[in-house]
Amino acid sequence: MGSFSIWHWLVVLLVVLLLFGSGKISGLMGDLAKGIKSFKANMKEEEPDASMEAQAPTAPPAGSIPGPAAATSTATPAQHPSRPAA
């Protein structure tokens, strides 16, 4: 009762072939195969873009806020505003 016999599957296959015809079924399978190939090709194109973002240079972009290392002053005593020029 839980599974179908081979005769059940043959009758189902015959009904499907009569309803849709063999040409329409093969056309549907061809369209499905084209869709799968297109999907795989698009997935392969996406991977290099993602790896390019991961390999971006580590230098900060121009105009960005400097970090602690860039904020240190290298002024000489003559240039320092709290001391008079010598």
C-alpha atoms as a PDB file:
ATOM      1  CA  MET A   1       0.000   0.000   0.000  1.00  0.00           C
ATOM      2  CA  GLY A   2       2.910   2.411   0.710  1.00  0.00           C
ATOM      3  CA  SER A   3       4.674   2.131  -2.670  1.00  0.00           C
ATOM      4  CA  PHE A   4       3.602   1.951  -6.274  1.00  0.00           C
ATOM      5  CA  SER A   5       4.384  -0.981  -8.497  1.00  0.00           C
ATOM      6  CA  ILE A   6       6.042  -0.704 -11.904  1.00  0.00           C
ATOM      7  CA  TRP A   7       2.619  -0.862 -13.572  1.00  0.00           C
ATOM      8  CA  HIS A   8       1.443   2.224 -11.698  1.00  0.00           C
ATOM      9  CA  TRP A   9       4.483   4.189 -12.875  1.00  0.00           C
ATOM     10  CA  LEU A  10       4.010   3.004 -16.482  1.00  0.00           C
ATOM     11  CA  VAL A  11       0.372   4.172 -16.469  1.00  0.00           C
ATOM     12  CA  VAL A  12       1.395   7.555 -15.028  1.00  0.00           C
ATOM     13  CA  LEU A  13       4.121   7.904 -17.664  1.00  0.00           C
ATOM     14  CA  LEU A  14       1.663   7.011 -20.444  1.00  0.00           C
ATOM     15  CA  VAL A  15      -0.860   9.594 -19.217  1.00  0.00           C
ATOM     16  CA  VAL A  16       1.828  12.286 -19.001  1.00  0.00           C
ATOM     17  CA  LEU A  17       3.030  11.496 -22.523  1.00  0.00           C
ATOM     18  CA  LEU A  18      -0.532  11.622 -23.862  1.00  0.00           C
ATOM     19  CA  LEU A  19      -1.262  14.948 -22.168  1.00  0.00           C
ATOM     20  CA  PHE A  20       1.941  16.789 -22.983  1.00  0.00           C
ATOM     21  CA  GLY A  21       3.434  14.921 -25.921  1.00  0.00           C
ATOM     22  CA  SER A  22       7.050  13.881 -26.224  1.00  0.00           C
ATOM     23  CA  GLY A  23       8.100  17.084 -28.042  1.00  0.00           C
ATOM     24  CA  LYS A  24       6.881  19.384 -25.299  1.00  0.00           C
ATOM     25  CA  ILE A  25       8.550  17.333 -22.551  1.00  0.00           C
ATOM     26  CA  SER A  26      11.910  17.319 -24.348  1.00  0.00           C
ATOM     27  CA  GLY A  27      11.576  21.079 -24.924  1.00  0.00           C
ATOM     28  CA  LEU A  28      10.912  21.619 -21.228  1.00  0.00           C
ATOM     29  CA  MET A  29      13.934  19.518 -20.294  1.00  0.00           C
ATOM     30  CA  GLY A  30      16.098  21.497 -22.743  1.00  0.00           C
ATOM     31  CA  ASP A  31      14.906  24.780 -21.237  1.00  0.00           C
ATOM     32  CA  LEU A  32      15.633  23.460 -17.762  1.00  0.00           C
ATOM     33  CA  ALA A  33      19.166  22.471 -18.806  1.00  0.00           C
ATOM     34  CA  LYS A  34      19.780  25.927 -20.315  1.00  0.00           C
ATOM     35  CA  GLY A  35      18.591  27.550 -17.112  1.00  0.00           C
ATOM     36  CA  ILE A  36      20.928  25.438 -14.993  1.00  0.00           C
ATOM     37  CA  LYS A  37      23.896  26.206 -17.266  1.00  0.00           C
ATOM     38  CA  SER A  38      23.107  29.913 -17.154  1.00  0.00           C
ATOM     39  CA  PHE A  39      22.845  29.811 -13.362  1.00  0.00           C
ATOM     40  CA  LYS A  40      26.222  28.068 -13.037  1.00  0.00           C
ATOM     41  CA  ALA A  41      27.864  30.550 -15.429  1.00  0.00           C
ATOM     42  CA  ASN A  42      26.505  33.498 -13.441  1.00  0.00           C
ATOM     43  CA  MET A  43      27.709  31.979 -10.182  1.00  0.00           C
ATOM     44  CA  LYS A  44      31.235  31.620 -11.625  1.00  0.00           C
ATOM     45  CA  GLU A  45      31.179  35.284 -12.712  1.00  0.00           C
ATOM     46  CA  GLU A  46      30.198  36.404  -9.197  1.00  0.00           C
ATOM     47  CA  GLU A  47      33.122  34.687  -7.439  1.00  0.00           C
ATOM     48  CA  PRO A  48      35.990  36.821  -8.923  1.00  0.00           C
ATOM     49  CA  ASP A  49      34.153  40.026  -7.972  1.00  0.00           C
ATOM     50  CA  ALA A  50      33.908  38.899  -4.360  1.00  0.00           C
ATOM     51  CA  SER A  51      37.590  37.942  -4.270  1.00  0.00           C
ATOM     52  CA  MET A  52      38.590  41.327  -5.691  1.00  0.00           C
ATOM     53  CA  GLU A  53      36.860  43.058  -2.775  1.00  0.00           C
ATOM     54  CA  ALA A  54      38.750  40.856  -0.317  1.00  0.00           C
ATOM     55  CA  GLN A  55      42.082  41.815  -1.931  1.00  0.00           C
ATOM     56  CA  ALA A  56      41.443  45.576  -1.768  1.00  0.00           C
ATOM     57  CA  PRO A  57      44.451  47.688  -0.748  1.00  0.00           C
ATOM     58  CA  THR A  58      44.766  48.442   2.941  1.00  0.00           C
ATOM     59  CA  ALA A  59      45.681  52.120   2.451  1.00  0.00           C
ATOM     60  CA  PRO A  60      42.907  54.478   3.590  1.00  0.00           C
ATOM     61  CA  PRO A  61      41.140  56.439   0.863  1.00  0.00           C
ATOM     62  CA  ALA A  62      42.010  60.093   0.329  1.00  0.00           C
ATOM     63  CA  GLY A  63      40.171  62.438   2.664  1.00  0.00           C
ATOM     64  CA  SER A  64      39.561  59.828   5.327  1.00  0.00           C
ATOM     65  CA  ILE A  65      39.934  60.496   9.032  1.00  0.00           C
ATOM     66  CA  PRO A  66      43.528  59.701  10.061  1.00  0.00           C
ATOM     67  CA  GLY A  67      44.167  57.038  12.644  1.00  0.00           C
ATOM     68  CA  PRO A  68      46.291  57.435  15.821  1.00  0.00           C
ATOM     69  CA  ALA A  69      49.592  56.840  13.982  1.00  0.00           C
ATOM     70  CA  ALA A  70      48.891  59.600  11.453  1.00  0.00           C
ATOM     71  CA  ALA A  71      47.719  62.059  14.143  1.00  0.00           C
ATOM     72  CA  THR A  72      51.107  62.426  15.866  1.00  0.00           C
ATOM     73  CA  SER A  73      52.772  65.781  15.389  1.00  0.00           C
ATOM     74  CA  THR A  74      56.294  66.170  14.027  1.00  0.00           C
ATOM     75  CA  ALA A  75      56.548  69.929  14.567  1.00  0.00           C
ATOM     76  CA  THR A  76      59.910  71.440  15.480  1.00  0.00           C
ATOM     77  CA  PRO A  77      60.219  73.757  18.528  1.00  0.00           C
ATOM     78  CA  ALA A  78      60.380  76.837  16.261  1.00  0.00           C
ATOM     79  CA  GLN A  79      57.048  75.878  14.667  1.00  0.00           C
ATOM     80  CA  HIS A  80      55.248  75.048  17.898  1.00  0.00           C
ATOM     81  CA  PRO A  81      52.628  77.716  18.680  1.00  0.00           C
ATOM     82  CA  SER A  82      53.206  77.733  22.478  1.00  0.00           C
ATOM     83  CA  ARG A  83      56.907  78.610  22.195  1.00  0.00           C
ATOM     84  CA  PRO A  84      58.257  81.822  20.773  1.00  0.00           C
ATOM     85  CA  ALA A  85      60.491  81.596  17.749  1.00  0.00           C
ATOM     86  CA  ALA A  86      64.193  81.638  18.640  1.00  0.00           C
END
